[in-house]
PDB file of N, CA and C in Angstrom:
ATOM      1  N   MET A   1      43.111   4.194   9.783  1.00  0.00           N
ATOM      2  CA  MET A   1      41.779   4.318  10.538  1.00  0.00           C
ATOM      3  C   MET A   1      40.847   3.610   9.845  1.00  0.00           C
ATOM      4  N   ALA A   2      40.291   2.581  10.504  1.00  0.00           N
ATOM      5  CA  ALA A   2      39.288   1.595   9.925  1.00  0.00           C
ATOM      6  C   ALA A   2      37.969   2.264   9.407  1.00  0.00           C
ATOM      7  N   PRO A   3      37.287   1.927   8.539  1.00  0.00           N
ATOM      8  CA  PRO A   3      36.012   2.303   8.118  1.00  0.00           C
ATOM      9  C   PRO A   3      35.001   2.097   9.146  1.00  0.00           C
ATOM     10  N   GLU A   4      34.194   3.236   9.425  1.00  0.00           N
ATOM     11  CA  GLU A   4      33.101   3.015  10.359  1.00  0.00           C
ATOM     12  C   GLU A   4      31.951   2.208   9.660  1.00  0.00           C
ATOM     13  N   LYS A   5      31.519   1.230  10.489  1.00  0.00           N
ATOM     14  CA  LYS A   5      30.366   0.301  10.198  1.00  0.00           C
ATOM     15  C   LYS A   5      29.221   1.118  10.051  1.00  0.00           C
ATOM     16  N   THR A   6      28.400   1.130   9.230  1.00  0.00           N
ATOM     17  CA  THR A   6      26.797   1.726   8.902  1.00  0.00           C
ATOM     18  C   THR A   6      26.118   0.667   9.409  1.00  0.00           C
ATOM     19  N   LYS A   7      25.184   1.024  10.213  1.00  0.00           N
ATOM     20  CA  LYS A   7      24.116   0.038  10.743  1.00  0.00           C
ATOM     21  C   LYS A   7      23.108  -0.008   9.801  1.00  0.00           C
ATOM     22  N   SER A   8      22.355  -1.027   9.475  1.00  0.00           N
ATOM     23  CA  SER A   8      21.359  -1.137   8.611  1.00  0.00           C
ATOM     24  C   SER A   8      20.038  -0.814   9.375  1.00  0.00           C
ATOM     25  N   ARG A   9      19.513   0.231   9.077  1.00  0.00           N
ATOM     26  CA  ARG A   9      18.155   0.574   9.905  1.00  0.00           C
ATOM     27  C   ARG A   9      17.076   0.802   8.824  1.00  0.00           C
ATOM     28  N   LYS A  10      15.830   0.569   9.463  1.00  0.00           N
ATOM     29  CA  LYS A  10      14.623   0.845   8.582  1.00  0.00           C
ATOM     30  C   LYS A  10      14.381   2.489   8.563  1.00  0.00           C
ATOM     31  N   ARG A  11      14.157   3.008   7.526  1.00  0.00           N
ATOM     32  CA  ARG A  11      13.836   4.612   7.580  1.00  0.00           C
ATOM     33  C   ARG A  11      12.495   4.778   8.113  1.00  0.00           C
ATOM     34  N   LYS A  12      12.386   5.703   8.846  1.00  0.00           N
ATOM     35  CA  LYS A  12      11.107   6.359   9.274  1.00  0.00           C
ATOM     36  C   LYS A  12      10.071   6.831   8.284  1.00  0.00           C
ATOM     37  N   HIS A  13       9.013   6.458   8.415  1.00  0.00           N
ATOM     38  CA  HIS A  13       7.837   7.061   7.339  1.00  0.00           C
ATOM     39  C   HIS A  13       6.836   7.715   8.032  1.00  0.00           C
ATOM     40  N   PRO A  14       7.011   9.136   8.199  1.00  0.00           N
ATOM     41  CA  PRO A  14       6.315  10.031   8.545  1.00  0.00           C
ATOM     42  C   PRO A  14       4.648   9.987   8.391  1.00  0.00           C
ATOM     43  N   TYR A  15       4.362   9.569   7.247  1.00  0.00           N
ATOM     44  CA  TYR A  15       3.134   9.726   6.546  1.00  0.00           C
ATOM     45  C   TYR A  15       2.380   8.208   6.569  1.00  0.00           C
ATOM     46  N   VAL A  16       2.901   7.188   6.999  1.00  0.00           N
ATOM     47  CA  VAL A  16       2.676   5.747   6.984  1.00  0.00           C
ATOM     48  C   VAL A  16       2.645   5.277   8.428  1.00  0.00           C
ATOM     49  N   THR A  17       1.242   4.605   8.692  1.00  0.00           N
ATOM     50  CA  THR A  17       0.900   4.327   9.969  1.00  0.00           C
ATOM     51  C   THR A  17       0.223   3.089  10.072  1.00  0.00           C
ATOM     52  N   ARG A  18      -0.001   2.184  11.254  1.00  0.00           N
ATOM     53  CA  ARG A  18      -0.827   1.112  11.381  1.00  0.00           C
ATOM     54  C   ARG A  18      -1.539   1.393  12.435  1.00  0.00           C
ATOM     55  N   LYS A  19      -2.710   0.991  12.390  1.00  0.00           N
ATOM     56  CA  LYS A  19      -3.738   1.271  13.449  1.00  0.00           C
ATOM     57  C   LYS A  19      -4.539  -0.116  13.637  1.00  0.00           C
ATOM     58  N   ALA A  20      -4.774  -0.789  14.667  1.00  0.00           N
ATOM     59  CA  ALA A  20      -5.422  -1.945  15.234  1.00  0.00           C
ATOM     60  C   ALA A  20      -7.145  -1.373  14.733  1.00  0.00           C
ATOM     61  N   GLY A  21      -7.680  -2.319  13.967  1.00  0.00           N
ATOM     62  CA  GLY A  21      -9.034  -1.866  13.668  1.00  0.00           C
ATOM     63  C   GLY A  21      -9.140  -1.135  12.547  1.00  0.00           C
ATOM     64  N   VAL A  22      -8.273  -0.404  11.744  1.00  0.00           N
ATOM     65  CA  VAL A  22      -8.264  -0.082  10.551  1.00  0.00           C
ATOM     66  C   VAL A  22      -7.647  -0.600   9.586  1.00  0.00           C
ATOM     67  N   CYS A  23      -8.400  -0.815   8.417  1.00  0.00           N
ATOM     68  CA  CYS A  23      -8.056  -1.515   7.435  1.00  0.00           C
ATOM     69  C   CYS A  23      -7.066  -2.869   7.665  1.00  0.00           C
ATOM     70  N   GLY A  24      -7.707  -3.737   8.916  1.00  0.00           N
ATOM     71  CA  GLY A  24      -7.036  -4.901   9.408  1.00  0.00           C
ATOM     72  C   GLY A  24      -5.429  -4.613   9.858  1.00  0.00           C
ATOM     73  N   GLY A  25      -5.519  -3.357  10.159  1.00  0.00           N
ATOM     74  CA  GLY A  25      -3.892  -3.146  10.924  1.00  0.00           C
ATOM     75  C   GLY A  25      -2.735  -3.029   9.864  1.00  0.00           C
ATOM     76  N   LYS A  26      -3.141  -2.677   8.419  1.00  0.00           N
ATOM     77  CA  LYS A  26      -2.323  -3.058   7.227  1.00  0.00           C
ATOM     78  C   LYS A  26      -1.792  -1.559   7.296  1.00  0.00           C
ATOM     79  N   PRO A  27      -0.443  -1.210   6.677  1.00  0.00           N
ATOM     80  CA  PRO A  27       0.032   0.036   6.528  1.00  0.00           C
ATOM     81  C   PRO A  27      -0.623   1.059   5.940  1.00  0.00           C
ATOM     82  N   ILE A  28      -1.161   2.210   6.320  1.00  0.00           N
ATOM     83  CA  ILE A  28      -2.070   3.144   5.984  1.00  0.00           C
ATOM     84  C   ILE A  28      -1.416   4.569   5.790  1.00  0.00           C
ATOM     85  N   ILE A  29      -1.942   5.058   4.868  1.00  0.00           N
ATOM     86  CA  ILE A  29      -1.233   6.806   5.107  1.00  0.00           C
ATOM     87  C   ILE A  29      -1.885   7.294   6.035  1.00  0.00           C
ATOM     88  N   ARG A  30      -1.550   8.149   7.042  1.00  0.00           N
ATOM     89  CA  ARG A  30      -1.666   8.610   8.123  1.00  0.00           C
ATOM     90  C   ARG A  30      -2.846   9.384   8.156  1.00  0.00           C
ATOM     91  N   GLY A  31      -3.859   9.426   8.639  1.00  0.00           N
ATOM     92  CA  GLY A  31      -4.947  10.244   9.009  1.00  0.00           C
ATOM     93  C   GLY A  31      -5.927   9.784   7.810  1.00  0.00           C
ATOM     94  N   THR A  32      -5.522   9.033   7.119  1.00  0.00           N
ATOM     95  CA  THR A  32      -6.550   8.454   5.883  1.00  0.00           C
ATOM     96  C   THR A  32      -7.135   6.836   6.349  1.00  0.00           C
ATOM     97  N   ARG A  33      -7.694   6.199   5.294  1.00  0.00           N
ATOM     98  CA  ARG A  33      -8.166   4.620   5.277  1.00  0.00           C
ATOM     99  C   ARG A  33      -7.431   4.190   3.759  1.00  0.00           C
ATOM    100  N   ILE A  34      -6.543   5.146   3.348  1.00  0.00           N
ATOM    101  CA  ILE A  34      -5.746   4.807   2.053  1.00  0.00           C
ATOM    102  C   ILE A  34      -4.724   3.867   2.597  1.00  0.00           C
ATOM    103  N   LYS A  35      -4.527   2.525   2.085  1.00  0.00           N
ATOM    104  CA  LYS A  35      -3.674   1.581   2.426  1.00  0.00           C
ATOM    105  C   LYS A  35      -2.387   1.753   1.203  1.00  0.00           C
ATOM    106  N   VAL A  36      -1.567   1.330   1.814  1.00  0.00           N
ATOM    107  CA  VAL A  36      -0.045   1.741   1.019  1.00  0.00           C
ATOM    108  C   VAL A  36      -0.348   0.814  -0.040  1.00  0.00           C
ATOM    109  N   SER A  37      -1.116  -0.676  -0.057  1.00  0.00           N
ATOM    110  CA  SER A  37      -1.105  -1.373  -1.050  1.00  0.00           C
ATOM    111  C   SER A  37      -2.073  -0.744  -2.156  1.00  0.00           C
ATOM    112  N   GLN A  38      -2.864   0.056  -1.816  1.00  0.00           N
ATOM    113  CA  GLN A  38      -3.799   0.779  -2.850  1.00  0.00           C
ATOM    114  C   GLN A  38      -2.923   1.792  -3.796  1.00  0.00           C
ATOM    115  N   ILE A  39      -2.140   2.504  -3.120  1.00  0.00           N
ATOM    116  CA  ILE A  39      -1.213   3.381  -3.747  1.00  0.00           C
ATOM    117  C   ILE A  39      -0.280   2.595  -4.890  1.00  0.00           C
ATOM    118  N   VAL A  40       0.226   1.585  -4.298  1.00  0.00           N
ATOM    119  CA  VAL A  40       1.142   0.723  -4.968  1.00  0.00           C
ATOM    120  C   VAL A  40       0.532  -0.060  -6.226  1.00  0.00           C
ATOM    121  N   ILE A  41      -0.876  -0.195  -6.101  1.00  0.00           N
ATOM    122  CA  ILE A  41      -1.527  -0.785  -7.008  1.00  0.00           C
ATOM    123  C   ILE A  41      -1.646   0.415  -8.199  1.00  0.00           C
ATOM    124  N   GLU A  42      -2.137   1.463  -7.777  1.00  0.00           N
ATOM    125  CA  GLU A  42      -2.263   2.486  -8.569  1.00  0.00           C
ATOM    126  C   GLU A  42      -0.894   2.947  -9.419  1.00  0.00           C
ATOM    127  N   TYR A  43       0.133   2.860  -8.723  1.00  0.00           N
ATOM    128  CA  TYR A  43       1.232   3.287  -9.519  1.00  0.00           C
ATOM    129  C   TYR A  43       1.978   2.163 -10.258  1.00  0.00           C
ATOM    130  N   GLU A  44       2.132   0.927  -9.711  1.00  0.00           N
ATOM    131  CA  GLU A  44       2.810  -0.180 -10.333  1.00  0.00           C
ATOM    132  C   GLU A  44       1.515  -0.909 -11.456  1.00  0.00           C
ATOM    133  N   ARG A  45       0.554  -1.100 -10.821  1.00  0.00           N
ATOM    134  CA  ARG A  45      -0.074  -2.038 -11.699  1.00  0.00           C
ATOM    135  C   ARG A  45      -0.943  -0.922 -12.868  1.00  0.00           C
ATOM    136  N   LEU A  46      -1.386   0.433 -12.493  1.00  0.00           N
ATOM    137  CA  LEU A  46      -2.287   0.979 -13.338  1.00  0.00           C
ATOM    138  C   LEU A  46      -1.277   2.133 -14.009  1.00  0.00           C
ATOM    139  N   GLY A  47       0.153   2.096 -13.712  1.00  0.00           N
ATOM    140  CA  GLY A  47       0.793   3.021 -14.431  1.00  0.00           C
ATOM    141  C   GLY A  47       0.587   4.333 -14.095  1.00  0.00           C
ATOM    142  N   TRP A  48      -0.280   4.993 -12.982  1.00  0.00           N
ATOM    143  CA  TRP A  48      -0.422   6.248 -12.648  1.00  0.00           C
ATOM    144  C   TRP A  48       0.748   7.065 -12.048  1.00  0.00           C
ATOM    145  N   THR A  49       1.136   8.270 -12.407  1.00  0.00           N
ATOM    146  CA  THR A  49       2.225   8.789 -11.696  1.00  0.00           C
ATOM    147  C   THR A  49       1.371   9.334 -10.381  1.00  0.00           C
ATOM    148  N   PRO A  50       2.625   9.530  -9.526  1.00  0.00           N
ATOM    149  CA  PRO A  50       2.162  10.237  -8.299  1.00  0.00           C
ATOM    150  C   PRO A  50       1.339  11.453  -8.165  1.00  0.00           C
ATOM    151  N   ASP A  51       1.653  12.370  -9.094  1.00  0.00           N
ATOM    152  CA  ASP A  51       0.591  13.349  -9.438  1.00  0.00           C
ATOM    153  C   ASP A  51      -0.828  12.753  -9.929  1.00  0.00           C
ATOM    154  N   GLU A  52      -1.159  11.958 -10.512  1.00  0.00           N
ATOM    155  CA  GLU A  52      -2.172  11.474 -11.057  1.00  0.00           C
ATOM    156  C   GLU A  52      -2.961  10.800  -9.537  1.00  0.00           C
ATOM    157  N   ILE A  53      -2.130  10.286  -9.110  1.00  0.00           N
ATOM    158  CA  ILE A  53      -2.673   9.603  -7.578  1.00  0.00           C
ATOM    159  C   ILE A  53      -3.191  10.604  -6.719  1.00  0.00           C
ATOM    160  N   VAL A  54      -2.548  11.862  -6.666  1.00  0.00           N
ATOM    161  CA  VAL A  54      -3.012  12.861  -5.916  1.00  0.00           C
ATOM    162  C   VAL A  54      -4.194  13.612  -6.795  1.00  0.00           C
ATOM    163  N   GLN A  55      -4.294  13.576  -7.910  1.00  0.00           N
ATOM    164  CA  GLN A  55      -5.666  13.979  -8.552  1.00  0.00           C
ATOM    165  C   GLN A  55      -6.973  13.235  -8.262  1.00  0.00           C
ATOM    166  N   ALA A  56      -6.598  11.534  -8.106  1.00  0.00           N
ATOM    167  CA  ALA A  56      -7.655  10.780  -7.803  1.00  0.00           C
ATOM    168  C   ALA A  56      -8.003  10.972  -6.482  1.00  0.00           C
ATOM    169  N   HIS A  57      -6.871  11.132  -5.678  1.00  0.00           N
ATOM    170  CA  HIS A  57      -7.076  11.373  -4.036  1.00  0.00           C
ATOM    171  C   HIS A  57      -6.596  12.606  -3.608  1.00  0.00           C
ATOM    172  N   PRO A  58      -7.531  13.958  -3.705  1.00  0.00           N
ATOM    173  CA  PRO A  58      -7.417  15.242  -3.648  1.00  0.00           C
ATOM    174  C   PRO A  58      -7.042  15.468  -2.137  1.00  0.00           C
ATOM    175  N   HIS A  59      -7.209  14.720  -1.357  1.00  0.00           N
ATOM    176  CA  HIS A  59      -6.849  14.974   0.477  1.00  0.00           C
ATOM    177  C   HIS A  59      -5.488  14.472   0.596  1.00  0.00           C
ATOM    178  N   LEU A  60      -4.941  13.785  -0.335  1.00  0.00           N
ATOM    179  CA  LEU A  60      -3.375  13.557  -0.288  1.00  0.00           C
ATOM    180  C   LEU A  60      -2.716  14.332  -0.749  1.00  0.00           C
ATOM    181  N   THR A  61      -1.482  14.440  -0.372  1.00  0.00           N
ATOM    182  CA  THR A  61      -0.292  14.924  -0.840  1.00  0.00           C
ATOM    183  C   THR A  61       0.445  14.326  -1.603  1.00  0.00           C
ATOM    184  N   LEU A  62       1.633  15.091  -2.512  1.00  0.00           N
ATOM    185  CA  LEU A  62       2.541  14.226  -3.204  1.00  0.00           C
ATOM    186  C   LEU A  62       3.673  13.752  -1.910  1.00  0.00           C
ATOM    187  N   ALA A  63       3.759  14.299  -0.868  1.00  0.00           N
ATOM    188  CA  ALA A  63       4.619  13.821   0.063  1.00  0.00           C
ATOM    189  C   ALA A  63       3.934  12.616   0.767  1.00  0.00           C
ATOM    190  N   GLN A  64       2.898  12.676   1.059  1.00  0.00           N
ATOM    191  CA  GLN A  64       2.347  11.238   1.475  1.00  0.00           C
ATOM    192  C   GLN A  64       2.431  10.283   0.409  1.00  0.00           C
ATOM    193  N   VAL A  65       2.223  10.257  -1.064  1.00  0.00           N
ATOM    194  CA  VAL A  65       2.425   9.227  -1.975  1.00  0.00           C
ATOM    195  C   VAL A  65       3.574   8.796  -2.089  1.00  0.00           C
ATOM    196  N   HIS A  66       4.501   9.717  -1.846  1.00  0.00           N
ATOM    197  CA  HIS A  66       6.040   9.175  -2.210  1.00  0.00           C
ATOM    198  C   HIS A  66       6.408   8.715  -0.944  1.00  0.00           C
ATOM    199  N   ASP A  67       5.898   9.044   0.249  1.00  0.00           N
ATOM    200  CA  ASP A  67       6.462   7.923   1.376  1.00  0.00           C
ATOM    201  C   ASP A  67       5.762   6.922   1.341  1.00  0.00           C
ATOM    202  N   ALA A  68       4.331   6.675   0.902  1.00  0.00           N
ATOM    203  CA  ALA A  68       4.022   5.260   0.744  1.00  0.00           C
ATOM    204  C   ALA A  68       4.789   4.435  -0.270  1.00  0.00           C
ATOM    205  N   LEU A  69       4.903   5.059  -1.243  1.00  0.00           N
ATOM    206  CA  LEU A  69       5.525   4.411  -2.240  1.00  0.00           C
ATOM    207  C   LEU A  69       7.225   4.114  -1.532  1.00  0.00           C
ATOM    208  N   SER A  70       7.854   4.786  -0.876  1.00  0.00           N
ATOM    209  CA  SER A  70       9.069   4.471  -0.112  1.00  0.00           C
ATOM    210  C   SER A  70       8.921   3.397   0.696  1.00  0.00           C
ATOM    211  N   TYR A  71       7.927   3.381   1.474  1.00  0.00           N
ATOM    212  CA  TYR A  71       7.530   2.189   2.365  1.00  0.00           C
ATOM    213  C   TYR A  71       7.346   1.098   1.702  1.00  0.00           C
ATOM    214  N   TYR A  72       6.794   0.880   0.396  1.00  0.00           N
ATOM    215  CA  TYR A  72       6.661  -0.154  -0.467  1.00  0.00           C
ATOM    216  C   TYR A  72       7.877  -0.877  -0.655  1.00  0.00           C
ATOM    217  N   TYR A  73       8.892   0.098  -1.193  1.00  0.00           N
ATOM    218  CA  TYR A  73      10.110  -0.266  -1.882  1.00  0.00           C
ATOM    219  C   TYR A  73      10.983  -0.814  -0.654  1.00  0.00           C
ATOM    220  N   GLU A  74      10.838  -0.491   0.547  1.00  0.00           N
ATOM    221  CA  GLU A  74      11.632  -1.381   1.671  1.00  0.00           C
ATOM    222  C   GLU A  74      10.715  -2.314   2.336  1.00  0.00           C
ATOM    223  N   ASN A  75       9.659  -2.590   1.840  1.00  0.00           N
ATOM    224  CA  ASN A  75       8.972  -3.827   2.375  1.00  0.00           C
ATOM    225  C   ASN A  75       8.235  -4.421   1.209  1.00  0.00           C
ATOM    226  N   ILE A  76       8.625  -4.862   0.210  1.00  0.00           N
ATOM    227  CA  ILE A  76       8.006  -5.246  -1.006  1.00  0.00           C
ATOM    228  C   ILE A  76       7.263  -6.473  -0.668  1.00  0.00           C
ATOM    229  N   ASP A  77       8.058  -7.463  -0.221  1.00  0.00           N
ATOM    230  CA  ASP A  77       7.426  -8.791   0.060  1.00  0.00           C
ATOM    231  C   ASP A  77       5.907  -8.939   1.053  1.00  0.00           C
ATOM    232  N   GLU A  78       6.104  -7.853   1.787  1.00  0.00           N
ATOM    233  CA  GLU A  78       5.059  -7.572   2.716  1.00  0.00           C
ATOM    234  C   GLU A  78       3.776  -7.116   1.979  1.00  0.00           C
ATOM    235  N   ILE A  79       4.054  -6.066   1.312  1.00  0.00           N
ATOM    236  CA  ILE A  79       2.835  -5.315   0.565  1.00  0.00           C
ATOM    237  C   ILE A  79       2.437  -6.160  -0.600  1.00  0.00           C
ATOM    238  N   GLU A  80       3.363  -7.031  -1.218  1.00  0.00           N
ATOM    239  CA  GLU A  80       3.016  -8.178  -2.193  1.00  0.00           C
ATOM    240  C   GLU A  80       1.947  -8.942  -1.678  1.00  0.00           C
ATOM    241  N   ARG A  81       2.516  -9.499  -0.643  1.00  0.00           N
ATOM    242  CA  ARG A  81       1.648 -10.600  -0.173  1.00  0.00           C
ATOM    243  C   ARG A  81       0.034  -9.924   0.214  1.00  0.00           C
ATOM    244  N   GLN A  82      -0.162  -8.698   0.890  1.00  0.00           N
ATOM    245  CA  GLN A  82      -1.466  -8.097   0.932  1.00  0.00           C
ATOM    246  C   GLN A  82      -2.210  -7.734  -0.229  1.00  0.00           C
ATOM    247  N   ILE A  83      -1.455  -7.512  -1.335  1.00  0.00           N
ATOM    248  CA  ILE A  83      -2.068  -7.399  -2.686  1.00  0.00           C
ATOM    249  C   ILE A  83      -2.528  -8.650  -3.132  1.00  0.00           C
ATOM    250  N   ALA A  84      -1.879  -9.847  -3.194  1.00  0.00           N
ATOM    251  CA  ALA A  84      -1.807 -11.009  -3.602  1.00  0.00           C
ATOM    252  C   ALA A  84      -3.290 -11.383  -2.503  1.00  0.00           C
ATOM    253  N   GLU A  85      -3.089 -11.322  -1.373  1.00  0.00           N
ATOM    254  CA  GLU A  85      -4.323 -11.991  -0.548  1.00  0.00           C
ATOM    255  C   GLU A  85      -5.754 -11.115  -0.758  1.00  0.00           C
ATOM    256  N   GLU A  86      -5.639  -9.853  -1.078  1.00  0.00           N
ATOM    257  CA  GLU A  86      -6.811  -8.891  -1.545  1.00  0.00           C
ATOM    258  C   GLU A  86      -7.042  -9.458  -2.792  1.00  0.00           C
ATOM    259  N   GLN A  87      -6.449  -9.867  -3.721  1.00  0.00           N
ATOM    260  CA  GLN A  87      -6.764 -10.420  -5.067  1.00  0.00           C
ATOM    261  C   GLN A  87      -7.760 -11.694  -4.908  1.00  0.00           C
ATOM    262  N   ARG A  88      -6.952 -12.313  -4.057  1.00  0.00           N
ATOM    263  CA  ARG A  88      -7.666 -13.927  -3.606  1.00  0.00           C
ATOM    264  C   ARG A  88      -8.993 -13.701  -3.291  1.00  0.00           C
ATOM    265  N   MET A  89      -9.046 -12.720  -2.330  1.00  0.00           N
ATOM    266  CA  MET A  89     -10.340 -12.732  -1.772  1.00  0.00           C
ATOM    267  C   MET A  89     -11.653 -11.809  -2.947  1.00  0.00           C
ATOM    268  N   VAL A  90     -11.102 -11.092  -3.594  1.00  0.00           N
ATOM    269  CA  VAL A  90     -11.822 -10.655  -4.681  1.00  0.00           C
ATOM    270  C   VAL A  90     -12.436 -11.491  -5.443  1.00  0.00           C
ATOM    271  N   GLU A  91     -11.556 -12.548  -5.707  1.00  0.00           N
ATOM    272  CA  GLU A  91     -11.634 -13.759  -6.727  1.00  0.00           C
ATOM    273  C   GLU A  91     -12.767 -14.524  -6.341  1.00  0.00           C
ATOM    274  N   LYS A  92     -12.325 -14.772  -4.905  1.00  0.00           N
ATOM    275  CA  LYS A  92     -13.499 -15.642  -4.247  1.00  0.00           C
ATOM    276  C   LYS A  92     -14.994 -15.129  -3.991  1.00  0.00           C
ATOM    277  N   PHE A  93     -14.809 -13.719  -3.608  1.00  0.00           N
ATOM    278  CA  PHE A  93     -16.326 -13.061  -3.777  1.00  0.00           C
ATOM    279  C   PHE A  93     -16.894 -13.354  -5.213  1.00  0.00           C
ATOM    280  N   LYS A  94     -16.099 -12.662  -6.221  1.00  0.00           N
ATOM    281  CA  LYS A  94     -16.853 -13.057  -7.679  1.00  0.00           C
ATOM    282  C   LYS A  94     -17.287 -14.544  -8.022  1.00  0.00           C
ATOM    283  N   GLN A  95     -16.760 -15.550  -7.600  1.00  0.00           N
ATOM    284  CA  GLN A  95     -16.914 -17.074  -7.613  1.00  0.00           C
ATOM    285  C   GLN A  95     -18.323 -16.811  -6.742  1.00  0.00           C
ATOM    286  N   SER A  96     -18.463 -16.508  -5.820  1.00  0.00           N
ATOM    287  CA  SER A  96     -19.460 -16.608  -4.654  1.00  0.00           C
ATOM    288  C   SER A  96     -20.942 -15.983  -5.505  1.00  0.00           C
ATOM    289  N   VAL A  97     -20.614 -14.829  -5.977  1.00  0.00           N
ATOM    290  CA  VAL A  97     -21.664 -14.098  -6.665  1.00  0.00           C
ATOM    291  C   VAL A  97     -22.237 -14.816  -7.858  1.00  0.00           C
ATOM    292  N   ALA A  98     -21.366 -15.188  -8.402  1.00  0.00           N
ATOM    293  CA  ALA A  98     -21.895 -16.072  -9.644  1.00  0.00           C
ATOM    294  C   ALA A  98     -22.509 -17.144  -9.372  1.00  0.00           C
ATOM    295  N   SER A  99     -21.879 -18.012  -8.612  1.00  0.00           N
ATOM    296  CA  SER A  99     -22.852 -19.291  -8.253  1.00  0.00           C
ATOM    297  C   SER A  99     -24.009 -18.918  -7.612  1.00  0.00           C
ATOM    298  N   SER A 100     -24.126 -17.849  -6.783  1.00  0.00           N
ATOM    299  CA  SER A 100     -25.514 -17.546  -5.958  1.00  0.00           C
ATOM    300  C   SER A 100     -26.395 -17.092  -7.245  1.00  0.00           C
ATOM    301  N   GLN A 101     -25.873 -16.567  -8.448  1.00  0.00           N
ATOM    302  CA  GLN A 101     -26.676 -16.257  -9.384  1.00  0.00           C
ATOM    303  C   GLN A 101     -26.907 -17.256 -10.454  1.00  0.00           C
ATOM    304  N   GLY A 102     -26.515 -18.546 -10.116  1.00  0.00           N
ATOM    305  CA  GLY A 102     -26.365 -19.583 -11.019  1.00  0.00           C
ATOM    306  C   GLY A 102     -26.000 -19.459 -12.251  1.00  0.00           C
ATOM    307  N   MET A 103     -24.778 -18.482 -12.297  1.00  0.00           N
ATOM    308  CA  MET A 103     -24.050 -18.461 -13.721  1.00  0.00           C
ATOM    309  C   MET A 103     -22.855 -19.554 -13.644  1.00  0.00           C
TER     310      MET A 103
END
């Protein structure tokens, strides 16, 4: 009997959604305005544990944080592009403020 082929499929993320008009349509934790990219920055860049993320955002649950991280690991390129885009916008804003203040 030949081995059954498994289909590659995306996992469902019950706590992650997108909404037009909310955070630019970027993936967010359902029922909040917390972007998946924000959770990733806190976890990957700041080195926070999921428990520390929940302490910083007491309205989130561990399940929501873990689901956001799972979404990230399945969509790394997309989320990393969003993070890079947001960092470019911050740098542009900083330069604009510095030049308007004559710095």
